[in-house]
Amino acid sequence: MGISPLTVTALHAAGHDVQHVANLGMARAPDSEIVTLARRERRTIVTADLDFSGLMAQSNDRRPSVVTLRLVDFRPLSVNPRLIRALAEHNDALENGALVTVTERAVRVRSLPI
């Protein structure tokens, strides 16, 4: 949650196979269930919630990867180009298991497990 439907549309347009948890009926699902689904479907979680990175850091697992948006401006016009660029530039790390943090100034990548 917290990701605009316009960002989901932009990710689709950029060629990403993306699902919003609300469209899956999981808007109120515990984070652990979302992690389990993402792991099973080999998806990357994109979120503004720090809990997902914490769960993965504690799990000692390589998947799912997590992209955490730590932005001041959450308007899609600000989020979308940063997110699409980060996904493209760090695709290999995400495929191998990583925590990626996107800010206005930089992108930080940490390989999983931590």
N, C-alpha and C. Protein backbone atom coordinates (compact mmCIF):
# COMPACT_ATOMS: atom_id res chain seq x y z
N MET A 1 0.84 -1.18 0.00
CA MET A 1 0.00 0.00 0.00
C MET A 1 0.88 1.24 0.00
N GLY A 2 0.28 2.36 -0.31
CA GLY A 2 1.03 3.60 -0.35
C GLY A 2 1.59 3.91 -1.72
N ILE A 3 1.48 2.98 -2.65
CA ILE A 3 1.95 3.20 -4.01
C ILE A 3 0.74 3.57 -4.85
N SER A 4 0.85 4.67 -5.57
CA SER A 4 -0.26 5.17 -6.38
C SER A 4 -0.61 4.21 -7.52
N PRO A 5 -1.89 4.08 -7.84
CA PRO A 5 -2.28 3.32 -9.03
C PRO A 5 -1.64 3.88 -10.30
N LEU A 6 -1.34 5.18 -10.31
CA LEU A 6 -0.67 5.77 -11.47
C LEU A 6 0.76 5.25 -11.60
N THR A 7 1.38 4.93 -10.50
CA THR A 7 2.71 4.32 -10.54
C THR A 7 2.61 2.90 -11.07
N VAL A 8 1.59 2.18 -10.66
CA VAL A 8 1.37 0.83 -11.18
C VAL A 8 1.19 0.88 -12.69
N THR A 9 0.40 1.83 -13.17
CA THR A 9 0.18 1.99 -14.61
C THR A 9 1.49 2.32 -15.32
N ALA A 10 2.30 3.20 -14.74
CA ALA A 10 3.59 3.56 -15.35
C ALA A 10 4.53 2.36 -15.40
N LEU A 11 4.52 1.54 -14.36
CA LEU A 11 5.36 0.34 -14.36
C LEU A 11 4.91 -0.64 -15.43
N HIS A 12 3.60 -0.80 -15.59
CA HIS A 12 3.07 -1.65 -16.67
C HIS A 12 3.55 -1.12 -18.02
N ALA A 13 3.43 0.18 -18.22
CA ALA A 13 3.83 0.80 -19.49
C ALA A 13 5.33 0.61 -19.76
N ALA A 14 6.12 0.52 -18.70
CA ALA A 14 7.56 0.31 -18.83
C ALA A 14 7.91 -1.16 -19.01
N GLY A 15 6.90 -2.03 -19.05
CA GLY A 15 7.12 -3.44 -19.30
C GLY A 15 7.24 -4.33 -18.08
N HIS A 16 6.89 -3.81 -16.93
CA HIS A 16 6.98 -4.61 -15.70
C HIS A 16 5.65 -5.32 -15.43
N ASP A 17 5.75 -6.56 -14.99
CA ASP A 17 4.59 -7.33 -14.57
C ASP A 17 4.36 -7.01 -13.10
N VAL A 18 3.43 -6.11 -12.83
CA VAL A 18 3.25 -5.57 -11.48
C VAL A 18 1.81 -5.77 -11.01
N GLN A 19 1.66 -6.01 -9.73
CA GLN A 19 0.35 -6.15 -9.10
C GLN A 19 0.32 -5.26 -7.86
N HIS A 20 -0.78 -4.59 -7.65
CA HIS A 20 -0.95 -3.82 -6.42
C HIS A 20 -1.67 -4.72 -5.43
N VAL A 21 -1.23 -4.73 -4.17
CA VAL A 21 -1.84 -5.62 -3.19
C VAL A 21 -3.34 -5.39 -3.06
N ALA A 22 -3.79 -4.16 -3.26
CA ALA A 22 -5.24 -3.87 -3.18
C ALA A 22 -6.00 -4.63 -4.26
N ASN A 23 -5.40 -4.77 -5.44
CA ASN A 23 -6.06 -5.50 -6.53
C ASN A 23 -6.06 -7.00 -6.30
N LEU A 24 -5.24 -7.46 -5.38
CA LEU A 24 -5.18 -8.88 -5.04
C LEU A 24 -6.03 -9.21 -3.82
N GLY A 25 -6.75 -8.21 -3.30
CA GLY A 25 -7.56 -8.42 -2.10
C GLY A 25 -6.72 -8.54 -0.85
N MET A 26 -5.51 -7.99 -0.87
CA MET A 26 -4.60 -8.13 0.26
C MET A 26 -4.28 -6.79 0.92
N ALA A 27 -5.16 -5.82 0.76
CA ALA A 27 -4.90 -4.48 1.29
C ALA A 27 -4.68 -4.50 2.80
N ARG A 28 -5.30 -5.40 3.50
CA ARG A 28 -5.15 -5.48 4.96
C ARG A 28 -4.37 -6.71 5.40
N ALA A 29 -3.71 -7.36 4.46
CA ALA A 29 -2.95 -8.57 4.78
C ALA A 29 -1.71 -8.21 5.60
N PRO A 30 -1.33 -9.09 6.51
CA PRO A 30 -0.09 -8.86 7.25
C PRO A 30 1.11 -8.84 6.29
N ASP A 31 2.12 -8.09 6.65
CA ASP A 31 3.32 -8.01 5.81
C ASP A 31 3.88 -9.39 5.51
N SER A 32 3.85 -10.28 6.49
CA SER A 32 4.41 -11.63 6.29
C SER A 32 3.69 -12.38 5.18
N GLU A 33 2.38 -12.17 5.01
CA GLU A 33 1.64 -12.82 3.92
C GLU A 33 2.04 -12.24 2.56
N ILE A 34 2.28 -10.95 2.53
CA ILE A 34 2.71 -10.31 1.28
C ILE A 34 4.09 -10.82 0.90
N VAL A 35 4.98 -10.96 1.87
CA VAL A 35 6.32 -11.50 1.62
C VAL A 35 6.21 -12.93 1.09
N THR A 36 5.36 -13.74 1.69
CA THR A 36 5.18 -15.12 1.25
C THR A 36 4.69 -15.18 -0.19
N LEU A 37 3.70 -14.35 -0.53
CA LEU A 37 3.19 -14.31 -1.90
C LEU A 37 4.27 -13.85 -2.87
N ALA A 38 4.99 -12.80 -2.53
CA ALA A 38 6.05 -12.29 -3.41
C ALA A 38 7.14 -13.34 -3.61
N ARG A 39 7.49 -14.05 -2.57
CA ARG A 39 8.50 -15.11 -2.68
C ARG A 39 8.00 -16.21 -3.60
N ARG A 40 6.78 -16.65 -3.39
CA ARG A 40 6.20 -17.73 -4.19
C ARG A 40 6.12 -17.35 -5.67
N GLU A 41 5.75 -16.10 -5.95
CA GLU A 41 5.57 -15.66 -7.34
C GLU A 41 6.83 -15.00 -7.91
N ARG A 42 7.93 -15.03 -7.13
CA ARG A 42 9.20 -14.44 -7.56
C ARG A 42 9.04 -12.98 -7.98
N ARG A 43 8.37 -12.23 -7.12
CA ARG A 43 8.14 -10.80 -7.36
C ARG A 43 9.02 -9.98 -6.44
N THR A 44 9.16 -8.71 -6.79
CA THR A 44 9.84 -7.74 -5.96
C THR A 44 8.79 -6.87 -5.29
N ILE A 45 8.95 -6.61 -4.02
CA ILE A 45 8.03 -5.74 -3.29
C ILE A 45 8.51 -4.30 -3.44
N VAL A 46 7.60 -3.42 -3.86
CA VAL A 46 7.88 -1.99 -3.93
C VAL A 46 7.00 -1.33 -2.88
N THR A 47 7.62 -0.57 -1.98
CA THR A 47 6.89 -0.07 -0.83
C THR A 47 7.51 1.21 -0.27
N ALA A 48 6.76 1.88 0.55
CA ALA A 48 7.28 2.99 1.33
C ALA A 48 7.41 2.57 2.80
N ASP A 49 7.05 1.34 3.09
CA ASP A 49 7.02 0.79 4.44
C ASP A 49 8.35 0.12 4.77
N LEU A 50 9.02 0.60 5.80
CA LEU A 50 10.32 0.04 6.19
C LEU A 50 10.22 -1.37 6.75
N ASP A 51 9.03 -1.79 7.14
CA ASP A 51 8.87 -3.11 7.75
C ASP A 51 9.33 -4.24 6.82
N PHE A 52 9.10 -4.09 5.51
CA PHE A 52 9.46 -5.17 4.58
C PHE A 52 10.97 -5.38 4.54
N SER A 53 11.74 -4.31 4.51
CA SER A 53 13.20 -4.45 4.53
C SER A 53 13.64 -5.10 5.84
N GLY A 54 13.02 -4.71 6.92
CA GLY A 54 13.34 -5.31 8.22
C GLY A 54 13.04 -6.80 8.25
N LEU A 55 11.90 -7.18 7.71
CA LEU A 55 11.54 -8.61 7.66
C LEU A 55 12.57 -9.40 6.86
N MET A 56 12.98 -8.85 5.71
CA MET A 56 13.94 -9.56 4.88
C MET A 56 15.31 -9.59 5.52
N ALA A 57 15.72 -8.53 6.16
CA ALA A 57 17.01 -8.50 6.83
C ALA A 57 17.08 -9.55 7.94
N GLN A 58 15.97 -9.77 8.63
CA GLN A 58 15.93 -10.74 9.72
C GLN A 58 15.73 -12.17 9.24
N SER A 59 15.23 -12.34 8.03
CA SER A 59 14.84 -13.67 7.56
C SER A 59 15.99 -14.55 7.11
N ASN A 60 17.12 -13.93 6.74
CA ASN A 60 18.25 -14.66 6.17
C ASN A 60 17.91 -15.30 4.83
N ASP A 61 16.86 -14.81 4.17
CA ASP A 61 16.46 -15.29 2.85
C ASP A 61 16.97 -14.34 1.77
N ARG A 62 17.03 -14.83 0.54
CA ARG A 62 17.44 -14.02 -0.61
C ARG A 62 16.25 -13.39 -1.32
N ARG A 63 15.07 -13.91 -1.08
CA ARG A 63 13.89 -13.42 -1.79
C ARG A 63 12.73 -13.26 -0.84
N PRO A 64 11.85 -12.35 -1.10
CA PRO A 64 11.82 -11.46 -2.26
C PRO A 64 12.71 -10.25 -2.06
N SER A 65 13.09 -9.65 -3.18
CA SER A 65 13.78 -8.37 -3.12
C SER A 65 12.77 -7.31 -2.72
N VAL A 66 13.27 -6.22 -2.16
CA VAL A 66 12.41 -5.12 -1.71
C VAL A 66 12.99 -3.80 -2.21
N VAL A 67 12.14 -2.99 -2.83
CA VAL A 67 12.50 -1.63 -3.20
C VAL A 67 11.72 -0.72 -2.26
N THR A 68 12.45 0.05 -1.45
CA THR A 68 11.82 0.95 -0.50
C THR A 68 11.98 2.38 -1.00
N LEU A 69 10.86 3.06 -1.12
CA LEU A 69 10.85 4.46 -1.55
C LEU A 69 10.91 5.34 -0.31
N ARG A 70 12.01 6.07 -0.18
CA ARG A 70 12.22 6.99 0.95
C ARG A 70 12.27 8.40 0.37
N LEU A 71 11.13 8.84 -0.14
CA LEU A 71 11.03 10.10 -0.84
C LEU A 71 10.22 11.11 -0.05
N VAL A 72 10.52 12.36 -0.23
CA VAL A 72 9.73 13.43 0.36
C VAL A 72 8.49 13.66 -0.51
N ASP A 73 8.68 13.64 -1.81
CA ASP A 73 7.61 13.89 -2.77
C ASP A 73 7.10 12.56 -3.33
N PHE A 74 5.89 12.17 -2.94
CA PHE A 74 5.32 10.90 -3.37
C PHE A 74 4.35 11.04 -4.53
N ARG A 75 4.35 12.19 -5.17
CA ARG A 75 3.50 12.33 -6.35
C ARG A 75 4.07 11.45 -7.45
N PRO A 76 3.20 10.78 -8.22
CA PRO A 76 3.68 9.90 -9.28
C PRO A 76 4.68 10.57 -10.23
N LEU A 77 4.53 11.85 -10.51
CA LEU A 77 5.48 12.53 -11.40
C LEU A 77 6.90 12.53 -10.82
N SER A 78 7.02 12.45 -9.52
CA SER A 78 8.32 12.37 -8.88
C SER A 78 8.77 10.92 -8.69
N VAL A 79 7.86 10.08 -8.28
CA VAL A 79 8.17 8.67 -7.99
C VAL A 79 8.49 7.88 -9.25
N ASN A 80 7.63 7.99 -10.26
CA ASN A 80 7.71 7.08 -11.41
C ASN A 80 9.06 7.06 -12.11
N PRO A 81 9.63 8.21 -12.50
CA PRO A 81 10.92 8.13 -13.19
C PRO A 81 12.04 7.58 -12.32
N ARG A 82 12.03 7.93 -11.04
CA ARG A 82 13.06 7.41 -10.13
C ARG A 82 12.94 5.89 -9.98
N LEU A 83 11.73 5.43 -9.79
CA LEU A 83 11.50 4.00 -9.60
C LEU A 83 11.83 3.22 -10.86
N ILE A 84 11.36 3.67 -12.00
CA ILE A 84 11.62 2.96 -13.25
C ILE A 84 13.12 2.91 -13.53
N ARG A 85 13.83 4.00 -13.29
CA ARG A 85 15.28 4.04 -13.49
C ARG A 85 15.98 3.07 -12.52
N ALA A 86 15.56 3.07 -11.26
CA ALA A 86 16.18 2.18 -10.26
C ALA A 86 15.95 0.71 -10.62
N LEU A 87 14.76 0.39 -11.07
CA LEU A 87 14.48 -1.00 -11.45
C LEU A 87 15.35 -1.43 -12.63
N ALA A 88 15.53 -0.55 -13.60
CA ALA A 88 16.35 -0.87 -14.76
C ALA A 88 17.83 -0.98 -14.39
N GLU A 89 18.33 -0.03 -13.63
CA GLU A 89 19.75 0.00 -13.29
C GLU A 89 20.17 -1.10 -12.33
N HIS A 90 19.23 -1.59 -11.53
CA HIS A 90 19.58 -2.57 -10.49
C HIS A 90 18.84 -3.89 -10.68
N ASN A 91 18.46 -4.17 -11.90
CA ASN A 91 17.72 -5.39 -12.21
C ASN A 91 18.48 -6.65 -11.77
N ASP A 92 19.77 -6.71 -12.08
CA ASP A 92 20.55 -7.91 -11.71
C ASP A 92 20.55 -8.13 -10.20
N ALA A 93 20.77 -7.06 -9.45
CA ALA A 93 20.75 -7.19 -7.98
C ALA A 93 19.39 -7.65 -7.49
N LEU A 94 18.32 -7.09 -8.05
CA LEU A 94 16.97 -7.48 -7.65
C LEU A 94 16.69 -8.94 -8.00
N GLU A 95 17.18 -9.38 -9.15
CA GLU A 95 16.99 -10.78 -9.55
C GLU A 95 17.71 -11.74 -8.60
N ASN A 96 18.83 -11.29 -8.04
CA ASN A 96 19.62 -12.14 -7.15
C ASN A 96 19.27 -11.99 -5.68
N GLY A 97 18.39 -11.03 -5.37
CA GLY A 97 17.98 -10.79 -3.99
C GLY A 97 18.67 -9.58 -3.40
N ALA A 98 17.90 -8.49 -3.23
CA ALA A 98 18.50 -7.26 -2.73
C ALA A 98 17.46 -6.38 -2.05
N LEU A 99 17.98 -5.51 -1.21
CA LEU A 99 17.19 -4.42 -0.65
C LEU A 99 17.67 -3.16 -1.36
N VAL A 100 16.76 -2.47 -2.04
CA VAL A 100 17.10 -1.27 -2.78
C VAL A 100 16.32 -0.12 -2.16
N THR A 101 17.03 0.93 -1.80
CA THR A 101 16.40 2.11 -1.22
C THR A 101 16.56 3.26 -2.19
N VAL A 102 15.44 3.90 -2.54
CA VAL A 102 15.43 5.00 -3.49
C VAL A 102 15.10 6.29 -2.73
N THR A 103 16.00 7.27 -2.84
CA THR A 103 15.76 8.59 -2.27
C THR A 103 15.85 9.61 -3.41
N GLU A 104 15.60 10.86 -3.08
CA GLU A 104 15.73 11.91 -4.10
C GLU A 104 17.17 12.03 -4.60
N ARG A 105 18.13 11.73 -3.75
CA ARG A 105 19.54 11.95 -4.09
C ARG A 105 20.30 10.72 -4.56
N ALA A 106 19.85 9.53 -4.17
CA ALA A 106 20.65 8.35 -4.47
C ALA A 106 19.81 7.08 -4.41
N VAL A 107 20.43 6.00 -4.86
CA VAL A 107 19.86 4.67 -4.74
C VAL A 107 20.92 3.82 -4.03
N ARG A 108 20.50 3.15 -2.97
CA ARG A 108 21.41 2.28 -2.21
C ARG A 108 20.97 0.83 -2.41
N VAL A 109 21.93 -0.06 -2.62
CA VAL A 109 21.63 -1.47 -2.86
C VAL A 109 22.41 -2.31 -1.85
N ARG A 110 21.69 -3.21 -1.20
CA ARG A 110 22.32 -4.18 -0.28
C ARG A 110 21.87 -5.57 -0.69
N SER A 111 22.81 -6.44 -0.92
CA SER A 111 22.50 -7.81 -1.32
C SER A 111 21.92 -8.58 -0.16
N LEU A 112 20.97 -9.46 -0.47
CA LEU A 112 20.41 -10.37 0.52
C LEU A 112 21.11 -11.71 0.39
N PRO A 113 21.22 -12.49 1.46
CA PRO A 113 20.80 -12.15 2.81
C PRO A 113 21.81 -11.20 3.47
N ILE A 114 21.30 -10.52 4.48
CA ILE A 114 22.14 -9.59 5.23
C ILE A 114 22.63 -10.29 6.48
